[in-house]
N, C-alpha and C. Protein backbone atom coordinates (compact mmCIF):
# COMPACT_ATOMS: atom_id res chain seq x y z
N MET A 1 -24.07 2.71 -23.23
CA MET A 1 -22.65 2.70 -23.53
C MET A 1 -22.16 2.40 -24.84
N ASP A 2 -21.30 2.64 -25.01
CA ASP A 2 -20.50 1.94 -26.87
C ASP A 2 -19.67 0.81 -26.20
N ALA A 3 -19.34 -0.06 -27.27
CA ALA A 3 -18.12 -0.68 -27.00
C ALA A 3 -16.80 0.12 -27.07
N PHE A 4 -15.82 -0.91 -26.31
CA PHE A 4 -14.60 -0.06 -26.01
C PHE A 4 -13.76 -1.38 -26.01
N THR A 5 -12.27 -0.77 -26.55
CA THR A 5 -10.86 -1.70 -26.63
C THR A 5 -10.36 -1.08 -25.06
N PHE A 6 -9.13 -2.27 -25.10
CA PHE A 6 -8.17 -1.90 -23.67
C PHE A 6 -7.25 -2.85 -24.19
N GLU A 7 -5.73 -2.29 -23.44
CA GLU A 7 -4.54 -3.04 -24.09
C GLU A 7 -4.47 -3.79 -22.70
N ILE A 8 -3.82 -4.96 -22.58
CA ILE A 8 -3.28 -5.77 -21.69
C ILE A 8 -1.94 -5.11 -21.13
N LYS A 9 -1.65 -4.47 -20.35
CA LYS A 9 -0.53 -3.85 -20.07
C LYS A 9 -0.45 -3.15 -18.80
N THR A 10 0.88 -3.16 -18.02
CA THR A 10 0.94 -2.43 -16.59
C THR A 10 2.40 -2.35 -16.66
N PRO A 11 2.48 -1.22 -15.74
CA PRO A 11 4.31 -1.04 -15.55
C PRO A 11 4.79 -2.46 -14.55
N HIS A 12 6.37 -2.40 -15.02
CA HIS A 12 6.62 -2.65 -14.27
C HIS A 12 7.23 -2.31 -12.87
N LEU A 13 7.26 -2.99 -11.81
CA LEU A 13 7.26 -2.13 -10.39
C LEU A 13 8.74 -2.72 -9.85
N THR A 14 9.28 -2.01 -8.82
CA THR A 14 10.34 -2.19 -8.38
C THR A 14 10.17 -2.92 -6.86
N GLY A 15 9.07 -3.27 -7.03
CA GLY A 15 8.60 -4.76 -5.82
C GLY A 15 7.00 -4.64 -5.84
N GLY A 16 6.55 -5.46 -4.28
CA GLY A 16 5.26 -4.96 -4.42
C GLY A 16 4.51 -5.54 -5.19
N ARG A 17 3.15 -5.21 -5.24
CA ARG A 17 2.27 -5.34 -6.21
C ARG A 17 1.41 -4.39 -6.71
N SER A 18 0.65 -4.65 -7.89
CA SER A 18 -0.01 -3.32 -8.19
C SER A 18 -1.51 -4.31 -8.94
N HIS A 19 -2.37 -3.37 -9.22
CA HIS A 19 -3.81 -3.76 -9.85
C HIS A 19 -4.06 -2.73 -10.89
N THR A 20 -4.17 -3.20 -12.02
CA THR A 20 -4.22 -1.97 -13.06
C THR A 20 -6.17 -2.42 -13.55
N SER A 21 -6.69 -1.25 -13.55
CA SER A 21 -8.29 -1.88 -14.13
C SER A 21 -8.23 -1.60 -15.85
N LEU A 22 -8.55 -2.37 -16.40
CA LEU A 22 -8.17 -2.48 -17.57
C LEU A 22 -9.92 -1.81 -18.40
N ALA A 23 -10.97 -3.00 -17.75
CA ALA A 23 -12.35 -2.10 -18.42
C ALA A 23 -13.05 -2.86 -17.18
N ARG A 24 -14.63 -1.63 -17.25
CA ARG A 24 -15.44 -1.50 -16.37
C ARG A 24 -17.05 -1.40 -17.38
N THR A 25 -17.84 -2.22 -16.66
CA THR A 25 -19.24 -1.82 -17.11
C THR A 25 -20.15 -1.85 -15.28
N ASP A 26 -21.22 -2.04 -15.41
CA ASP A 26 -22.11 -1.85 -14.04
C ASP A 26 -22.01 -3.59 -13.62
N LEU A 27 -22.10 -4.29 -14.32
CA LEU A 27 -22.24 -5.57 -14.21
C LEU A 27 -20.93 -6.18 -14.22
N ALA A 28 -19.52 -5.91 -14.89
CA ALA A 28 -18.19 -6.73 -15.31
C ALA A 28 -17.09 -5.64 -15.34
N SER A 29 -15.72 -6.27 -14.62
CA SER A 29 -14.65 -5.80 -14.73
C SER A 29 -13.61 -6.91 -15.06
N VAL A 30 -12.71 -6.06 -16.09
CA VAL A 30 -11.14 -6.77 -16.02
C VAL A 30 -10.25 -5.99 -15.69
N GLY A 31 -9.21 -6.48 -15.10
CA GLY A 31 -7.96 -6.19 -14.47
C GLY A 31 -6.82 -6.55 -14.71
N LEU A 32 -5.81 -6.36 -14.54
CA LEU A 32 -4.38 -7.16 -14.30
C LEU A 32 -3.97 -6.62 -13.02
N ASN A 33 -3.54 -7.93 -12.29
CA ASN A 33 -2.93 -8.04 -11.14
C ASN A 33 -1.20 -8.23 -11.28
N TYR A 34 -0.17 -7.50 -10.82
CA TYR A 34 1.13 -7.76 -10.74
C TYR A 34 1.49 -7.90 -10.04
N TYR A 35 2.30 -8.94 -9.58
CA TYR A 35 2.82 -9.34 -7.99
C TYR A 35 4.52 -9.44 -8.21
N ALA A 36 5.38 -9.09 -7.39
CA ALA A 36 6.70 -9.12 -7.55
C ALA A 36 7.03 -10.62 -7.04
N PRO A 37 8.05 -11.49 -7.10
CA PRO A 37 8.34 -12.38 -6.92
C PRO A 37 8.26 -12.56 -5.53
N GLY A 38 7.55 -13.63 -4.44
CA GLY A 38 7.47 -13.79 -3.23
C GLY A 38 6.12 -12.94 -2.49
N ARG A 39 5.51 -12.00 -3.42
CA ARG A 39 4.67 -11.16 -2.74
C ARG A 39 3.43 -12.04 -3.03
N LYS A 40 2.31 -11.52 -1.95
CA LYS A 40 1.28 -12.11 -1.45
C LYS A 40 0.14 -11.52 -1.16
N ASN A 41 -0.96 -11.50 -1.00
CA ASN A 41 -1.98 -10.57 -0.09
C ASN A 41 -2.64 -11.47 0.82
N THR A 42 -3.88 -10.97 1.38
CA THR A 42 -3.86 -11.57 2.92
C THR A 42 -5.59 -12.56 2.43
N LEU A 43 -5.65 -12.88 3.13
CA LEU A 43 -7.54 -14.05 3.10
C LEU A 43 -8.26 -12.85 2.98
N HIS A 44 -9.30 -12.90 1.73
CA HIS A 44 -10.20 -11.98 1.83
C HIS A 44 -11.85 -12.88 0.91
N THR A 45 -12.58 -11.95 0.92
CA THR A 45 -13.68 -12.18 -0.20
C THR A 45 -14.02 -10.92 -0.54
N HIS A 46 -14.72 -11.32 -1.66
CA HIS A 46 -15.56 -10.13 -2.32
C HIS A 46 -16.90 -10.32 -2.58
N PRO A 47 -17.93 -9.47 -1.53
CA PRO A 47 -19.48 -9.53 -1.89
C PRO A 47 -19.63 -9.19 -2.60
N GLY A 48 -21.02 -9.89 -3.21
CA GLY A 48 -22.01 -9.94 -4.33
C GLY A 48 -21.08 -10.22 -5.69
N GLU A 49 -19.42 -10.74 -5.93
CA GLU A 49 -19.32 -11.04 -6.85
C GLU A 49 -18.30 -12.55 -6.97
N ASP A 50 -18.64 -12.72 -8.29
CA ASP A 50 -17.73 -13.91 -8.76
C ASP A 50 -16.79 -13.61 -9.66
N HIS A 51 -15.69 -14.12 -9.23
CA HIS A 51 -14.26 -13.75 -9.81
C HIS A 51 -13.66 -14.59 -10.49
N THR A 52 -12.74 -14.30 -11.75
CA THR A 52 -11.90 -15.45 -12.55
C THR A 52 -10.20 -14.74 -12.05
N PHE A 53 -9.06 -15.77 -12.09
CA PHE A 53 -8.13 -15.39 -12.20
C PHE A 53 -7.10 -16.10 -13.70
N ILE A 54 -6.58 -15.34 -14.37
CA ILE A 54 -5.84 -16.36 -15.36
C ILE A 54 -4.45 -15.97 -15.23
N VAL A 55 -3.64 -17.01 -15.21
CA VAL A 55 -1.86 -16.51 -15.11
C VAL A 55 -1.95 -16.47 -16.53
N LEU A 56 -1.12 -14.86 -16.85
CA LEU A 56 -0.62 -14.86 -17.86
C LEU A 56 1.07 -14.94 -18.17
N ASP A 57 1.80 -14.66 -16.70
CA ASP A 57 2.80 -15.24 -16.53
C ASP A 57 3.42 -15.48 -15.17
N GLY A 58 4.35 -16.28 -14.90
CA GLY A 58 4.59 -16.41 -13.83
C GLY A 58 3.94 -17.85 -13.02
N GLU A 59 4.00 -18.05 -11.88
CA GLU A 59 3.22 -19.22 -11.18
C GLU A 59 2.50 -18.23 -10.14
N ALA A 60 1.06 -18.82 -9.66
CA ALA A 60 0.72 -18.29 -8.35
C ALA A 60 -0.31 -19.76 -7.83
N THR A 61 0.11 -19.23 -6.48
CA THR A 61 -0.68 -20.39 -5.64
C THR A 61 -1.92 -19.72 -4.56
N PHE A 62 -2.72 -20.10 -4.79
CA PHE A 62 -4.00 -19.60 -4.18
C PHE A 62 -4.39 -20.52 -2.98
N TYR A 63 -4.83 -20.12 -1.93
CA TYR A 63 -5.35 -20.98 -0.91
C TYR A 63 -6.71 -20.22 -0.71
N ASP A 64 -7.50 -21.55 0.15
CA ASP A 64 -8.82 -21.34 0.59
C ASP A 64 -8.42 -21.08 1.97
N LYS A 65 -9.68 -20.93 2.46
CA LYS A 65 -10.17 -20.38 3.99
C LYS A 65 -8.81 -21.62 4.70
N ASP A 66 -9.11 -23.17 4.32
CA ASP A 66 -8.79 -24.44 5.40
C ASP A 66 -6.90 -24.26 4.67
N GLU A 67 -6.42 -23.41 3.90
CA GLU A 67 -4.82 -23.20 3.24
C GLU A 67 -4.59 -24.16 2.72
N LYS A 68 -5.87 -24.77 1.68
CA LYS A 68 -5.61 -25.86 0.46
C LYS A 68 -5.28 -25.15 -0.33
N ALA A 69 -4.07 -25.50 -0.87
CA ALA A 69 -3.17 -24.61 -1.75
C ALA A 69 -3.80 -25.33 -3.42
N THR A 70 -4.08 -24.35 -4.41
CA THR A 70 -3.99 -24.55 -5.71
C THR A 70 -2.72 -23.98 -6.51
N VAL A 71 -2.05 -24.39 -7.39
CA VAL A 71 -1.18 -24.25 -8.16
C VAL A 71 -1.45 -23.80 -9.51
N LEU A 72 -1.50 -22.81 -9.73
CA LEU A 72 -1.67 -22.26 -11.19
C LEU A 72 -0.31 -21.90 -12.15
N LYS A 73 0.09 -22.59 -12.88
CA LYS A 73 0.95 -21.62 -14.26
C LYS A 73 0.37 -21.36 -15.06
N LYS A 74 1.13 -20.27 -16.21
CA LYS A 74 0.82 -19.68 -16.89
C LYS A 74 -0.21 -20.55 -17.82
N GLY A 75 -1.28 -19.66 -18.45
CA GLY A 75 -2.53 -20.53 -18.90
C GLY A 75 -3.64 -20.74 -18.31
N GLN A 76 -3.37 -21.02 -16.92
CA GLN A 76 -4.63 -21.73 -16.20
C GLN A 76 -5.05 -20.68 -15.13
N GLY A 77 -6.61 -21.28 -14.58
CA GLY A 77 -6.93 -19.92 -13.92
C GLY A 77 -7.81 -20.81 -13.10
N ILE A 78 -8.56 -20.03 -12.46
CA ILE A 78 -9.28 -20.53 -10.94
C ILE A 78 -10.80 -19.35 -11.38
N MET A 79 -11.41 -19.87 -10.90
CA MET A 79 -13.23 -19.36 -10.84
C MET A 79 -13.10 -19.67 -9.66
N LEU A 80 -13.56 -18.11 -8.44
CA LEU A 80 -13.92 -17.81 -6.94
C LEU A 80 -15.23 -17.55 -7.28
N PRO A 81 -16.42 -18.33 -6.89
CA PRO A 81 -17.75 -17.81 -6.27
C PRO A 81 -17.90 -16.89 -5.51
N GLU A 82 -18.82 -16.16 -5.42
CA GLU A 82 -18.99 -15.03 -4.51
C GLU A 82 -19.55 -15.99 -3.02
N GLY A 83 -18.28 -14.93 -1.98
CA GLY A 83 -18.38 -15.14 -0.91
C GLY A 83 -17.03 -16.40 -0.54
N TRP A 84 -16.14 -16.57 -1.85
CA TRP A 84 -15.30 -17.55 -1.23
C TRP A 84 -13.84 -16.97 -0.97
N TYR A 85 -13.52 -17.22 0.38
CA TYR A 85 -12.40 -16.70 0.82
C TYR A 85 -11.09 -17.50 0.57
N TYR A 86 -10.01 -16.25 0.33
CA TYR A 86 -8.72 -17.21 -0.54
C TYR A 86 -7.85 -15.82 -0.16
N TRP A 87 -6.67 -16.37 -0.32
CA TRP A 87 -5.37 -15.43 -0.86
C TRP A 87 -4.75 -16.11 -1.67
N PHE A 88 -3.91 -15.38 -2.46
CA PHE A 88 -2.70 -16.08 -3.11
C PHE A 88 -1.39 -15.50 -3.22
N GLN A 89 -0.45 -15.72 -3.53
CA GLN A 89 1.34 -15.62 -3.49
C GLN A 89 1.64 -15.85 -4.70
N ASN A 90 2.52 -15.22 -5.48
CA ASN A 90 3.47 -15.00 -6.19
C ASN A 90 4.63 -16.14 -5.90
N THR A 91 4.54 -17.70 -6.64
CA THR A 91 5.35 -18.50 -5.77
C THR A 91 6.47 -19.30 -6.85
N GLY A 92 6.46 -18.36 -7.90
CA GLY A 92 7.40 -18.58 -9.09
C GLY A 92 8.84 -17.35 -8.49
N GLY A 93 9.81 -17.35 -9.93
CA GLY A 93 10.89 -17.02 -9.44
C GLY A 93 10.67 -15.72 -10.59
N GLU A 94 10.19 -15.41 -10.93
CA GLU A 94 9.73 -14.08 -11.57
C GLU A 94 8.22 -13.23 -11.49
N PRO A 95 8.16 -12.36 -11.91
CA PRO A 95 6.90 -11.07 -11.75
C PRO A 95 5.72 -12.32 -12.25
N LEU A 96 4.65 -11.98 -11.92
CA LEU A 96 3.30 -12.75 -12.02
C LEU A 96 2.52 -11.81 -12.47
N ALA A 97 1.73 -12.10 -13.29
CA ALA A 97 0.62 -11.52 -14.13
C ALA A 97 -0.48 -12.00 -14.39
N LEU A 98 -1.81 -11.70 -13.45
CA LEU A 98 -2.66 -12.05 -13.78
C LEU A 98 -3.96 -11.48 -14.05
N LEU A 99 -4.85 -11.86 -14.95
CA LEU A 99 -5.80 -11.10 -15.22
C LEU A 99 -6.76 -11.82 -14.66
N ARG A 100 -7.80 -10.27 -14.42
CA ARG A 100 -8.65 -10.97 -13.17
C ARG A 100 -10.51 -10.03 -14.08
N PHE A 101 -11.32 -11.53 -14.35
CA PHE A 101 -12.56 -10.99 -14.63
C PHE A 101 -13.15 -10.90 -13.52
N SER A 102 -14.24 -10.00 -13.12
CA SER A 102 -15.48 -10.10 -12.25
C SER A 102 -16.87 -9.99 -12.61
N ALA A 103 -17.66 -10.52 -12.31
CA ALA A 103 -19.03 -10.05 -12.16
C ALA A 103 -19.77 -10.03 -11.00
N ARG A 104 -20.76 -8.96 -10.81
CA ARG A 104 -21.34 -8.54 -10.22
C ARG A 104 -22.79 -8.42 -10.24
N LYS A 105 -23.61 -9.08 -9.30
CA LYS A 105 -24.95 -9.14 -8.91
C LYS A 105 -25.59 -7.12 -9.21
N ALA A 106 -24.99 -6.39 -8.22
CA ALA A 106 -25.42 -5.10 -8.49
C ALA A 106 -24.01 -4.60 -7.70
N LYS A 107 -24.23 -3.25 -7.59
CA LYS A 107 -22.79 -2.54 -7.26
C LYS A 107 -22.84 -2.74 -5.71
N PRO A 108 -21.67 -3.49 -5.16
CA PRO A 108 -21.91 -3.08 -3.53
C PRO A 108 -20.84 -1.88 -3.12
N LYS A 109 -21.63 -1.89 -1.84
CA LYS A 109 -20.85 -0.52 -1.60
C LYS A 109 -19.32 -1.26 -0.83
N VAL A 110 -19.26 -2.30 -0.53
CA VAL A 110 -17.95 -2.71 -0.02
C VAL A 110 -17.44 -3.75 -1.01
N VAL A 111 -16.02 -3.86 -1.14
CA VAL A 111 -15.89 -4.81 -2.60
C VAL A 111 -14.82 -5.71 -2.18
N ARG A 112 -14.63 -5.63 -0.69
CA ARG A 112 -13.18 -6.71 -0.26
C ARG A 112 -13.60 -6.50 1.08
N VAL A 113 -13.35 -7.73 1.67
CA VAL A 113 -13.75 -8.02 3.27
C VAL A 113 -12.86 -9.09 4.30
N ASP A 114 -11.98 -8.81 4.53
CA ASP A 114 -11.16 -9.59 5.15
C ASP A 114 -11.28 -10.54 6.30
N VAL A 115 -10.69 -11.47 6.90
CA VAL A 115 -11.19 -12.39 8.05
C VAL A 115 -11.50 -11.43 9.37
N LYS A 116 -10.94 -10.45 9.36
CA LYS A 116 -10.91 -9.54 10.70
C LYS A 116 -12.67 -8.41 10.58
N GLY A 117 -12.89 -8.80 9.32
CA GLY A 117 -14.16 -7.76 9.18
C GLY A 117 -13.58 -6.04 8.47
N ASN A 118 -12.22 -5.95 8.18
CA ASN A 118 -11.65 -4.97 7.60
C ASN A 118 -12.49 -4.86 6.47
N THR A 119 -12.76 -3.68 5.77
CA THR A 119 -13.69 -3.52 4.26
C THR A 119 -12.62 -2.66 3.22
N ARG A 120 -12.89 -2.39 2.16
CA ARG A 120 -12.16 -1.78 1.41
C ARG A 120 -13.18 -1.66 0.28
N SER A 121 -13.32 0.11 -0.15
CA SER A 121 -14.61 0.55 -1.33
C SER A 121 -13.78 0.51 -2.90
N GLU A 122 -14.29 0.35 -3.74
CA GLU A 122 -14.07 0.47 -4.67
C GLU A 122 -12.86 1.52 -4.72
N ASP A 123 -13.25 2.61 -4.79
CA ASP A 123 -12.94 4.59 -4.81
C ASP A 123 -11.54 4.37 -3.99
N GLU A 124 -10.97 3.27 -3.47
CA GLU A 124 -9.28 3.57 -2.93
C GLU A 124 -8.45 3.64 -3.74
N GLU A 125 -7.80 4.35 -3.86
CA GLU A 125 -6.59 4.68 -4.32
C GLU A 125 -5.16 3.62 -3.99
N GLY A 126 -5.27 3.38 -3.15
CA GLY A 126 -4.07 3.03 -2.20
C GLY A 126 -3.71 1.75 -2.53
N TYR A 127 -4.82 0.97 -3.21
CA TYR A 127 -4.40 -0.27 -4.03
C TYR A 127 -3.98 -0.11 -4.94
N LYS A 128 -3.72 0.34 -5.73
CA LYS A 128 -3.46 0.68 -6.83
C LYS A 128 -1.79 0.22 -7.33
N TYR A 129 -1.08 0.70 -6.63
CA TYR A 129 0.31 0.32 -6.14
C TYR A 129 0.75 0.27 -4.89
N VAL A 130 1.31 -0.94 -4.19
CA VAL A 130 1.46 -1.42 -2.79
C VAL A 130 2.91 -2.07 -2.63
N ASP A 131 3.64 -1.10 -2.05
CA ASP A 131 5.04 -1.51 -1.80
C ASP A 131 5.93 -1.83 -3.27
N GLY A 132 5.98 -0.95 -4.08
CA GLY A 132 6.50 -0.64 -5.26
C GLY A 132 6.04 0.21 -5.59
N VAL A 133 6.88 1.07 -6.74
CA VAL A 133 6.45 2.18 -7.67
C VAL A 133 6.60 1.54 -9.18
N PRO A 134 5.91 2.44 -9.98
CA PRO A 134 6.09 1.78 -11.08
C PRO A 134 7.55 2.22 -11.64
N ILE A 135 8.30 1.32 -12.60
CA ILE A 135 9.39 1.65 -13.36
C ILE A 135 9.22 2.54 -14.26
N GLU A 136 9.64 3.84 -15.16
CA GLU A 136 9.61 4.75 -15.73
C GLU A 136 10.11 3.99 -16.96
N GLY A 137 8.96 4.26 -18.08
CA GLY A 137 9.09 3.32 -19.26
C GLY A 137 9.31 2.06 -19.51
N LYS A 138 9.19 1.52 -18.67
CA LYS A 138 9.12 -0.22 -18.50
C LYS A 138 7.85 -0.96 -18.04
N ASN A 139 7.24 -1.64 -18.94
CA ASN A 139 6.01 -2.26 -18.82
C ASN A 139 6.00 -3.80 -19.20
N TRP A 140 5.17 -4.34 -18.22
CA TRP A 140 5.05 -6.09 -18.59
C TRP A 140 3.60 -5.94 -19.70
N GLU A 141 3.63 -6.19 -21.06
CA GLU A 141 2.54 -6.63 -21.80
C GLU A 141 2.61 -7.98 -22.46
N MET A 142 1.37 -8.16 -23.00
CA MET A 142 1.36 -9.40 -23.61
C MET A 142 2.39 -9.65 -24.82
N SER A 143 3.06 -10.34 -24.97
CA SER A 143 4.02 -10.94 -26.39
C SER A 143 3.30 -11.46 -27.01
């Protein structure tokens, strides 16, 4: 595999959230998560994966399985080791842009498991945009 470049950019949304894959190898990936104000996800973990989030814009509050809150502002990050259950929410008044880095020991068959045992595979396209649609010609990008 040759080296390659990517751009930290994602469409603005009418609401909801999105995940834009920016780069991937067999061991690591980089993505950009974008959440409208108030939008959150649910308690889950990623088997076989360590991952880090860095707030590029906005404010995120991360919660562990015991509901302990960690508030992150622009320029702050959190490292989540393999097996760590968490969820997060956009707790700021503007869109939240999170840079997501992950490292995997191997390519797992399941990339996400919630507390009810529901799973998601890496190939599911329904996760790219949830509860919103891209706004034509408008993007969030590094400034």
